[in-house]
Amino acid sequence: MEQLYITWKAIAVGGGDLTFYQTFFVKFYQAFIESDRWLQYLIGVRTTLLVTALALVLGIFLGLVVALIRTAHDQQRPGQKNPILWFLNFLCKVYVTVIRGTPMMVQLLIMSFVVFSSSRAFTMVGTLTLGINSGAYVAEIIRGGLMSVDKGQMEAGRSLGLSYGTTMRFIIIPQAVKAILPALGNEFIILLKDTSLITVIGGKELLYAAQGVYNRTYEQMFPLLGIACIYLLLVFILSWLLGILERRLRQGDRR
């Protein structure tokens, strides 16, 4: 195989004509096999999955905190307004509005060139930005799920002597999770694909690997199509896992 590549590449460099199959083989070989370039894509996939996992954890944590604060504020009884809760709710609303109202690219550039201008850990800065951005969307998804649960559920829990936190933990949140899982799954898929944006600030993930390859081979099609297929495969696997989780939750309801 290597000998065929060397021979056909020499013909192409010398100005000779190659068949479609030979041209395809030469470009594919230099994009993925020559100099073990497939290892660069593999490292890129590993970094992409790591960035997605870390940003996902941060996004869920921020989203859950913001959603609980805003829901607690909205569910206060008339005439019993807590000033501290009001202030926290105000901060949460500002956070959600600013993050959802500005492009992800702009947030990445601000975090990289302004907030962390002295840092060289571009991948981690990108991860932090992705997590903060995802947290705003997750917060609204969770808040919508919490508010969709019938108010009688909260009243029933409180009438049994349960505290607000206990009622939320054991009664409201389990019901809300089943309702918001499809929307959360969609957000997770978007987050996975958005990891490609951190290349703009120097993050070394899958797109960065493809750029490194076509900057040396001067052939963009195969590296870019290759990572597009990899992203598609990762999204397919994530969607499949989410589907399994949804089916198990539905089975739990029937029991």
C-alpha atoms as a PDB file:
ATOM      1  CA  MET A   1       0.000   0.000   0.000  1.00  0.00           C
ATOM      2  CA  GLU A   2       2.770   2.412   0.895  1.00  0.00           C
ATOM      3  CA  GLN A   3       4.606   1.602  -2.330  1.00  0.00           C
ATOM      4  CA  LEU A   4       1.485   2.304  -4.377  1.00  0.00           C
ATOM      5  CA  TYR A   5       1.123   5.652  -2.623  1.00  0.00           C
ATOM      6  CA  ILE A   6       4.738   6.610  -3.328  1.00  0.00           C
ATOM      7  CA  THR A   7       4.449   5.587  -6.985  1.00  0.00           C
ATOM      8  CA  TRP A   8       1.141   7.312  -7.681  1.00  0.00           C
ATOM      9  CA  LYS A   9       2.137  10.443  -5.797  1.00  0.00           C
ATOM     10  CA  ALA A  10       5.333  10.662  -7.839  1.00  0.00           C
ATOM     11  CA  ILE A  11       3.257  10.416 -11.015  1.00  0.00           C
ATOM     12  CA  ALA A  12       0.942  13.196  -9.812  1.00  0.00           C
ATOM     13  CA  VAL A  13       3.850  15.451  -8.816  1.00  0.00           C
ATOM     14  CA  GLY A  14       5.484  14.847 -12.194  1.00  0.00           C
ATOM     15  CA  GLY A  15       2.371  16.082 -13.974  1.00  0.00           C
ATOM     16  CA  GLY A  16       1.052  12.674 -14.973  1.00  0.00           C
ATOM     17  CA  ASP A  17      -2.620  11.768 -15.063  1.00  0.00           C
ATOM     18  CA  LEU A  18      -4.167   9.567 -12.382  1.00  0.00           C
ATOM     19  CA  THR A  19      -7.505   7.809 -12.403  1.00  0.00           C
ATOM     20  CA  PHE A  20     -10.213   8.871  -9.976  1.00  0.00           C
ATOM     21  CA  TYR A  21      -9.447   5.893  -7.753  1.00  0.00           C
ATOM     22  CA  GLN A  22      -5.715   6.637  -7.744  1.00  0.00           C
ATOM     23  CA  THR A  23      -6.295  10.308  -6.913  1.00  0.00           C
ATOM     24  CA  PHE A  24      -8.679   9.357  -4.141  1.00  0.00           C
ATOM     25  CA  PHE A  25      -6.202   6.855  -2.710  1.00  0.00           C
ATOM     26  CA  VAL A  26      -3.286   9.320  -2.739  1.00  0.00           C
ATOM     27  CA  LYS A  27      -5.253  12.077  -1.006  1.00  0.00           C
ATOM     28  CA  PHE A  28      -6.784   9.682   1.515  1.00  0.00           C
ATOM     29  CA  TYR A  29      -3.402   8.136   2.327  1.00  0.00           C
ATOM     30  CA  GLN A  30      -1.658  11.454   2.901  1.00  0.00           C
ATOM     31  CA  ALA A  31      -4.567  12.765   5.002  1.00  0.00           C
ATOM     32  CA  PHE A  32      -4.904   9.782   7.349  1.00  0.00           C
ATOM     33  CA  ILE A  33      -2.099   7.229   7.004  1.00  0.00           C
ATOM     34  CA  GLU A  34       1.139   8.949   6.019  1.00  0.00           C
ATOM     35  CA  SER A  35       3.350   9.728   9.046  1.00  0.00           C
ATOM     36  CA  ASP A  36       0.700   8.070  11.270  1.00  0.00           C
ATOM     37  CA  ARG A  37      -1.539  11.123  10.935  1.00  0.00           C
ATOM     38  CA  TRP A  38      -4.503   9.094  12.151  1.00  0.00           C
ATOM     39  CA  LEU A  39      -2.974   9.452  15.618  1.00  0.00           C
ATOM     40  CA  GLN A  40      -3.536  13.222  15.447  1.00  0.00           C
ATOM     41  CA  TYR A  41      -7.237  12.663  14.845  1.00  0.00           C
ATOM     42  CA  LEU A  42      -7.361  10.157  17.696  1.00  0.00           C
ATOM     43  CA  ILE A  43      -5.759  12.671  20.075  1.00  0.00           C
ATOM     44  CA  GLY A  44      -8.219  15.269  18.822  1.00  0.00           C
ATOM     45  CA  VAL A  45     -11.171  12.969  19.558  1.00  0.00           C
ATOM     46  CA  ARG A  46      -9.842  12.307  23.059  1.00  0.00           C
ATOM     47  CA  THR A  47      -9.511  16.048  23.740  1.00  0.00           C
ATOM     48  CA  THR A  48     -12.941  16.751  22.262  1.00  0.00           C
ATOM     49  CA  LEU A  49     -14.600  14.161  24.511  1.00  0.00           C
ATOM     50  CA  LEU A  50     -12.707  15.437  27.566  1.00  0.00           C
ATOM     51  CA  VAL A  51     -13.693  19.049  26.865  1.00  0.00           C
ATOM     52  CA  THR A  52     -17.308  17.994  26.306  1.00  0.00           C
ATOM     53  CA  ALA A  53     -17.427  16.003  29.560  1.00  0.00           C
ATOM     54  CA  LEU A  54     -15.896  18.782  31.681  1.00  0.00           C
ATOM     55  CA  ALA A  55     -18.058  21.494  30.106  1.00  0.00           C
ATOM     56  CA  LEU A  56     -21.106  19.261  30.550  1.00  0.00           C
ATOM     57  CA  VAL A  57     -20.454  18.800  34.274  1.00  0.00           C
ATOM     58  CA  LEU A  58     -19.943  22.534  34.743  1.00  0.00           C
ATOM     59  CA  GLY A  59     -22.997  23.375  32.647  1.00  0.00           C
ATOM     60  CA  ILE A  60     -25.273  21.010  34.576  1.00  0.00           C
ATOM     61  CA  PHE A  61     -23.987  22.309  37.915  1.00  0.00           C
ATOM     62  CA  LEU A  62     -24.486  25.977  36.974  1.00  0.00           C
ATOM     63  CA  GLY A  63     -27.805  25.252  35.288  1.00  0.00           C
ATOM     64  CA  LEU A  64     -29.167  23.355  38.272  1.00  0.00           C
ATOM     65  CA  VAL A  65     -28.124  26.064  40.750  1.00  0.00           C
ATOM     66  CA  VAL A  66     -29.572  28.866  38.629  1.00  0.00           C
ATOM     67  CA  ALA A  67     -32.781  26.943  37.930  1.00  0.00           C
ATOM     68  CA  LEU A  68     -33.352  26.151  41.627  1.00  0.00           C
ATOM     69  CA  ILE A  69     -32.763  29.774  42.647  1.00  0.00           C
ATOM     70  CA  ARG A  70     -35.116  31.148  40.012  1.00  0.00           C
ATOM     71  CA  THR A  71     -37.771  28.523  40.720  1.00  0.00           C
ATOM     72  CA  ALA A  72     -37.576  29.138  44.467  1.00  0.00           C
ATOM     73  CA  HIS A  73     -37.974  32.862  43.855  1.00  0.00           C
ATOM     74  CA  ASP A  74     -40.968  32.382  41.555  1.00  0.00           C
ATOM     75  CA  GLN A  75     -42.670  29.979  43.969  1.00  0.00           C
ATOM     76  CA  GLN A  76     -42.513  32.268  47.004  1.00  0.00           C
ATOM     77  CA  ARG A  77     -45.823  32.781  48.719  1.00  0.00           C
ATOM     78  CA  PRO A  78     -47.462  36.188  48.256  1.00  0.00           C
ATOM     79  CA  GLY A  79     -46.233  38.678  50.823  1.00  0.00           C
ATOM     80  CA  GLN A  80     -43.199  36.572  51.796  1.00  0.00           C
ATOM     81  CA  LYS A  81     -40.477  37.984  49.553  1.00  0.00           C
ATOM     82  CA  ASN A  82     -36.924  37.116  50.599  1.00  0.00           C
ATOM     83  CA  PRO A  83     -34.517  39.998  49.723  1.00  0.00           C
ATOM     84  CA  ILE A  84     -31.507  37.676  49.486  1.00  0.00           C
ATOM     85  CA  LEU A  85     -33.393  35.356  47.144  1.00  0.00           C
ATOM     86  CA  TRP A  86     -34.488  38.373  45.109  1.00  0.00           C
ATOM     87  CA  PHE A  87     -30.874  39.501  44.706  1.00  0.00           C
ATOM     88  CA  LEU A  88     -29.682  36.015  43.737  1.00  0.00           C
ATOM     89  CA  ASN A  89     -32.533  35.735  41.256  1.00  0.00           C
ATOM     90  CA  PHE A  90     -31.527  39.086  39.746  1.00  0.00           C
ATOM     91  CA  LEU A  91     -27.936  37.886  39.275  1.00  0.00           C
ATOM     92  CA  CYS A  92     -29.157  34.663  37.692  1.00  0.00           C
ATOM     93  CA  LYS A  93     -31.386  36.557  35.266  1.00  0.00           C
ATOM     94  CA  VAL A  94     -28.491  38.803  34.256  1.00  0.00           C
ATOM     95  CA  TYR A  95     -26.269  35.738  33.728  1.00  0.00           C
ATOM     96  CA  VAL A  96     -28.829  33.940  31.571  1.00  0.00           C
ATOM     97  CA  THR A  97     -29.665  37.069  29.560  1.00  0.00           C
ATOM     98  CA  VAL A  98     -26.052  38.001  28.836  1.00  0.00           C
ATOM     99  CA  ILE A  99     -24.908  34.488  27.942  1.00  0.00           C
ATOM    100  CA  ARG A 100     -27.889  33.696  25.729  1.00  0.00           C
ATOM    101  CA  GLY A 101     -27.795  37.143  24.149  1.00  0.00           C
ATOM    102  CA  THR A 102     -24.181  37.074  22.946  1.00  0.00           C
ATOM    103  CA  PRO A 103     -22.518  34.746  20.404  1.00  0.00           C
ATOM    104  CA  MET A 104     -20.406  31.861  21.643  1.00  0.00           C
ATOM    105  CA  MET A 105     -17.513  33.047  19.476  1.00  0.00           C
ATOM    106  CA  VAL A 106     -17.506  36.460  21.150  1.00  0.00           C
ATOM    107  CA  GLN A 107     -17.560  34.844  24.596  1.00  0.00           C
ATOM    108  CA  LEU A 108     -14.580  32.674  23.692  1.00  0.00           C
ATOM    109  CA  LEU A 109     -12.593  35.659  22.439  1.00  0.00           C
ATOM    110  CA  ILE A 110     -13.409  37.711  25.547  1.00  0.00           C
ATOM    111  CA  MET A 111     -12.431  34.874  27.878  1.00  0.00           C
ATOM    112  CA  SER A 112      -9.208  34.177  25.980  1.00  0.00           C
ATOM    113  CA  PHE A 113      -7.963  37.675  25.110  1.00  0.00           C
ATOM    114  CA  VAL A 114      -9.435  39.718  27.984  1.00  0.00           C
ATOM    115  CA  VAL A 115     -10.268  37.678  31.094  1.00  0.00           C
ATOM    116  CA  PHE A 116      -7.464  35.105  30.758  1.00  0.00           C
ATOM    117  CA  SER A 117      -5.143  37.073  28.485  1.00  0.00           C
ATOM    118  CA  SER A 118      -2.025  35.859  30.323  1.00  0.00           C
ATOM    119  CA  SER A 119      -3.017  32.182  30.241  1.00  0.00           C
ATOM    120  CA  ARG A 120      -1.645  29.741  27.668  1.00  0.00           C
ATOM    121  CA  ALA A 121      -4.046  26.951  28.658  1.00  0.00           C
ATOM    122  CA  PHE A 122      -6.296  27.654  25.664  1.00  0.00           C
ATOM    123  CA  THR A 123      -8.110  24.327  25.793  1.00  0.00           C
ATOM    124  CA  MET A 124      -9.078  24.770  29.445  1.00  0.00           C
ATOM    125  CA  VAL A 125     -10.171  28.369  28.847  1.00  0.00           C
ATOM    126  CA  GLY A 126     -12.349  27.083  26.025  1.00  0.00           C
ATOM    127  CA  THR A 127     -13.745  24.353  28.281  1.00  0.00           C
ATOM    128  CA  LEU A 128     -14.622  26.886  30.972  1.00  0.00           C
ATOM    129  CA  THR A 129     -16.339  29.132  28.431  1.00  0.00           C
ATOM    130  CA  LEU A 130     -18.327  26.259  26.964  1.00  0.00           C
ATOM    131  CA  GLY A 131     -19.450  25.204  30.441  1.00  0.00           C
ATOM    132  CA  ILE A 132     -20.556  28.722  31.369  1.00  0.00           C
ATOM    133  CA  ASN A 133     -22.396  29.094  28.079  1.00  0.00           C
ATOM    134  CA  SER A 134     -24.110  25.718  28.389  1.00  0.00           C
ATOM    135  CA  GLY A 135     -25.118  26.492  31.992  1.00  0.00           C
ATOM    136  CA  ALA A 136     -27.381  29.342  30.860  1.00  0.00           C
ATOM    137  CA  TYR A 137     -29.293  27.112  28.439  1.00  0.00           C
ATOM    138  CA  VAL A 138     -29.432  24.175  30.829  1.00  0.00           C
ATOM    139  CA  ALA A 139     -30.795  26.513  33.518  1.00  0.00           C
ATOM    140  CA  GLU A 140     -33.768  27.473  31.361  1.00  0.00           C
ATOM    141  CA  ILE A 141     -34.379  23.866  30.371  1.00  0.00           C
ATOM    142  CA  ILE A 142     -34.377  22.698  33.996  1.00  0.00           C
ATOM    143  CA  ARG A 143     -36.430  25.674  35.172  1.00  0.00           C
ATOM    144  CA  GLY A 144     -39.035  24.946  32.513  1.00  0.00           C
ATOM    145  CA  GLY A 145     -39.185  21.332  33.644  1.00  0.00           C
ATOM    146  CA  LEU A 146     -39.526  22.276  37.312  1.00  0.00           C
ATOM    147  CA  MET A 147     -42.260  24.804  36.605  1.00  0.00           C
ATOM    148  CA  SER A 148     -44.129  22.260  34.453  1.00  0.00           C
ATOM    149  CA  VAL A 149     -44.668  19.938  37.431  1.00  0.00           C
ATOM    150  CA  ASP A 150     -48.106  20.489  38.918  1.00  0.00           C
ATOM    151  CA  LYS A 151     -48.047  22.889  41.874  1.00  0.00           C
ATOM    152  CA  GLY A 152     -50.120  20.418  43.830  1.00  0.00           C
ATOM    153  CA  GLN A 153     -47.065  18.157  44.033  1.00  0.00           C
ATOM    154  CA  MET A 154     -45.165  20.789  46.017  1.00  0.00           C
ATOM    155  CA  GLU A 155     -48.155  21.521  48.221  1.00  0.00           C
ATOM    156  CA  ALA A 156     -48.648  17.814  48.905  1.00  0.00           C
ATOM    157  CA  GLY A 157     -45.023  17.398  49.923  1.00  0.00           C
ATOM    158  CA  ARG A 158     -45.110  20.414  52.217  1.00  0.00           C
ATOM    159  CA  SER A 159     -48.376  19.253  53.780  1.00  0.00           C
ATOM    160  CA  LEU A 160     -46.631  16.006  54.739  1.00  0.00           C
ATOM    161  CA  GLY A 161     -44.079  17.988  56.714  1.00  0.00           C
ATOM    162  CA  LEU A 162     -41.289  17.854  54.153  1.00  0.00           C
ATOM    163  CA  SER A 163     -39.045  20.868  53.760  1.00  0.00           C
ATOM    164  CA  TYR A 164     -38.878  22.780  50.479  1.00  0.00           C
ATOM    165  CA  GLY A 165     -35.481  21.275  49.631  1.00  0.00           C
ATOM    166  CA  THR A 166     -36.572  17.720  50.434  1.00  0.00           C
ATOM    167  CA  THR A 167     -39.745  18.109  48.392  1.00  0.00           C
ATOM    168  CA  MET A 168     -37.749  19.384  45.425  1.00  0.00           C
ATOM    169  CA  ARG A 169     -35.205  16.573  45.714  1.00  0.00           C
ATOM    170  CA  PHE A 170     -37.511  13.596  46.089  1.00  0.00           C
ATOM    171  CA  ILE A 171     -40.761  14.690  44.426  1.00  0.00           C
ATOM    172  CA  ILE A 172     -40.346  17.560  41.959  1.00  0.00           C
ATOM    173  CA  ILE A 173     -36.919  16.978  40.387  1.00  0.00           C
ATOM    174  CA  PRO A 174     -37.444  13.241  39.564  1.00  0.00           C
ATOM    175  CA  GLN A 175     -40.630  14.140  37.686  1.00  0.00           C
ATOM    176  CA  ALA A 176     -38.987  17.083  35.927  1.00  0.00           C
ATOM    177  CA  VAL A 177     -35.998  15.027  34.739  1.00  0.00           C
ATOM    178  CA  LYS A 178     -38.218  12.794  32.604  1.00  0.00           C
ATOM    179  CA  ALA A 179     -39.775  15.835  30.943  1.00  0.00           C
ATOM    180  CA  ILE A 180     -36.541  17.694  30.211  1.00  0.00           C
ATOM    181  CA  LEU A 181     -34.338  14.768  29.142  1.00  0.00           C
ATOM    182  CA  PRO A 182     -34.938  15.212  25.356  1.00  0.00           C
ATOM    183  CA  ALA A 183     -34.139  18.935  25.559  1.00  0.00           C
ATOM    184  CA  LEU A 184     -31.070  18.251  27.704  1.00  0.00           C
ATOM    185  CA  GLY A 185     -29.921  15.634  25.232  1.00  0.00           C
ATOM    186  CA  ASN A 186     -30.196  18.150  22.420  1.00  0.00           C
ATOM    187  CA  GLU A 187     -28.136  20.649  24.442  1.00  0.00           C
ATOM    188  CA  PHE A 188     -25.466  18.018  25.062  1.00  0.00           C
ATOM    189  CA  ILE A 189     -25.222  17.321  21.323  1.00  0.00           C
ATOM    190  CA  ILE A 190     -24.878  21.037  20.590  1.00  0.00           C
ATOM    191  CA  LEU A 191     -22.168  21.262  23.243  1.00  0.00           C
ATOM    192  CA  LEU A 192     -20.242  18.391  21.635  1.00  0.00           C
ATOM    193  CA  LYS A 193     -20.268  20.134  18.254  1.00  0.00           C
ATOM    194  CA  ASP A 194     -19.455  23.543  19.752  1.00  0.00           C
ATOM    195  CA  THR A 195     -16.134  22.200  21.018  1.00  0.00           C
ATOM    196  CA  SER A 196     -14.829  22.822  17.490  1.00  0.00           C
ATOM    197  CA  LEU A 197     -15.043  26.570  18.174  1.00  0.00           C
ATOM    198  CA  ILE A 198     -12.221  26.541  20.713  1.00  0.00           C
ATOM    199  CA  THR A 199      -9.780  26.091  17.829  1.00  0.00           C
ATOM    200  CA  VAL A 200     -10.238  29.822  17.221  1.00  0.00           C
ATOM    201  CA  ILE A 201      -8.441  30.617  20.488  1.00  0.00           C
ATOM    202  CA  GLY A 202      -5.835  27.867  20.122  1.00  0.00           C
ATOM    203  CA  GLY A 203      -7.637  24.945  21.717  1.00  0.00           C
ATOM    204  CA  LYS A 204      -6.235  21.626  20.504  1.00  0.00           C
ATOM    205  CA  GLU A 205      -9.207  19.430  19.705  1.00  0.00           C
ATOM    206  CA  LEU A 206     -10.473  17.560  16.627  1.00  0.00           C
ATOM    207  CA  LEU A 207     -10.685  20.520  14.227  1.00  0.00           C
ATOM    208  CA  TYR A 208      -7.233  21.637  15.336  1.00  0.00           C
ATOM    209  CA  ALA A 209      -5.902  18.205  14.330  1.00  0.00           C
ATOM    210  CA  ALA A 210      -7.507  18.477  10.892  1.00  0.00           C
ATOM    211  CA  GLN A 211      -6.040  21.949  10.404  1.00  0.00           C
ATOM    212  CA  GLY A 212      -2.600  20.655  11.323  1.00  0.00           C
ATOM    213  CA  VAL A 213      -2.911  17.944   8.661  1.00  0.00           C
ATOM    214  CA  TYR A 214      -4.131  20.094   5.771  1.00  0.00           C
ATOM    215  CA  ASN A 215      -1.595  22.811   6.565  1.00  0.00           C
ATOM    216  CA  ARG A 216       1.086  20.212   5.780  1.00  0.00           C
ATOM    217  CA  THR A 217      -0.631  18.435   2.879  1.00  0.00           C
ATOM    218  CA  TYR A 218      -2.325  21.505   1.323  1.00  0.00           C
ATOM    219  CA  GLU A 219      -5.413  19.363   0.816  1.00  0.00           C
ATOM    220  CA  GLN A 220      -8.436  20.401   2.875  1.00  0.00           C
ATOM    221  CA  MET A 221     -11.183  18.101   1.609  1.00  0.00           C
ATOM    222  CA  PHE A 222     -10.232  14.783   3.181  1.00  0.00           C
ATOM    223  CA  PRO A 223      -9.234  16.071   6.661  1.00  0.00           C
ATOM    224  CA  LEU A 224     -12.421  18.139   6.928  1.00  0.00           C
ATOM    225  CA  LEU A 225     -14.685  15.399   5.591  1.00  0.00           C
ATOM    226  CA  GLY A 226     -12.953  12.973   7.932  1.00  0.00           C
ATOM    227  CA  ILE A 227     -13.645  14.978  11.077  1.00  0.00           C
ATOM    228  CA  ALA A 228     -17.203  15.646   9.871  1.00  0.00           C
ATOM    229  CA  CYS A 229     -17.743  11.873   9.804  1.00  0.00           C
ATOM    230  CA  ILE A 230     -16.152  11.547  13.250  1.00  0.00           C
ATOM    231  CA  TYR A 231     -18.458  14.213  14.697  1.00  0.00           C
ATOM    232  CA  LEU A 232     -21.428  12.492  13.070  1.00  0.00           C
ATOM    233  CA  LEU A 233     -20.412   9.179  14.634  1.00  0.00           C
ATOM    234  CA  LEU A 234     -19.986  10.759  18.083  1.00  0.00           C
ATOM    235  CA  VAL A 235     -23.407  12.424  17.841  1.00  0.00           C
ATOM    236  CA  PHE A 236     -24.949   9.124  16.737  1.00  0.00           C
ATOM    237  CA  ILE A 237     -23.454   7.311  19.741  1.00  0.00           C
ATOM    238  CA  LEU A 238     -24.609  10.036  22.148  1.00  0.00           C
ATOM    239  CA  SER A 239     -28.116  10.002  20.677  1.00  0.00           C
ATOM    240  CA  TRP A 240     -28.209   6.207  20.983  1.00  0.00           C
ATOM    241  CA  LEU A 241     -27.198   6.354  24.664  1.00  0.00           C
ATOM    242  CA  LEU A 242     -29.805   9.036  25.376  1.00  0.00           C
ATOM    243  CA  GLY A 243     -32.431   6.901  23.664  1.00  0.00           C
ATOM    244  CA  ILE A 244     -31.567   3.964  25.930  1.00  0.00           C
ATOM    245  CA  LEU A 245     -31.882   6.204  29.003  1.00  0.00           C
ATOM    246  CA  GLU A 246     -35.264   7.530  27.868  1.00  0.00           C
ATOM    247  CA  ARG A 247     -36.591   4.010  27.291  1.00  0.00           C
ATOM    248  CA  ARG A 248     -35.473   2.910  30.757  1.00  0.00           C
ATOM    249  CA  LEU A 249     -37.202   5.887  32.346  1.00  0.00           C
ATOM    250  CA  ARG A 250     -40.406   5.042  30.472  1.00  0.00           C
ATOM    251  CA  GLN A 251     -40.155   1.440  31.660  1.00  0.00           C
ATOM    252  CA  GLY A 252     -39.847   2.744  35.225  1.00  0.00           C
ATOM    253  CA  ASP A 253     -43.089   4.676  34.761  1.00  0.00           C
ATOM    254  CA  ARG A 254     -44.975   1.593  33.595  1.00  0.00           C
ATOM    255  CA  ARG A 255     -43.825  -0.353  36.634  1.00  0.00           C
END
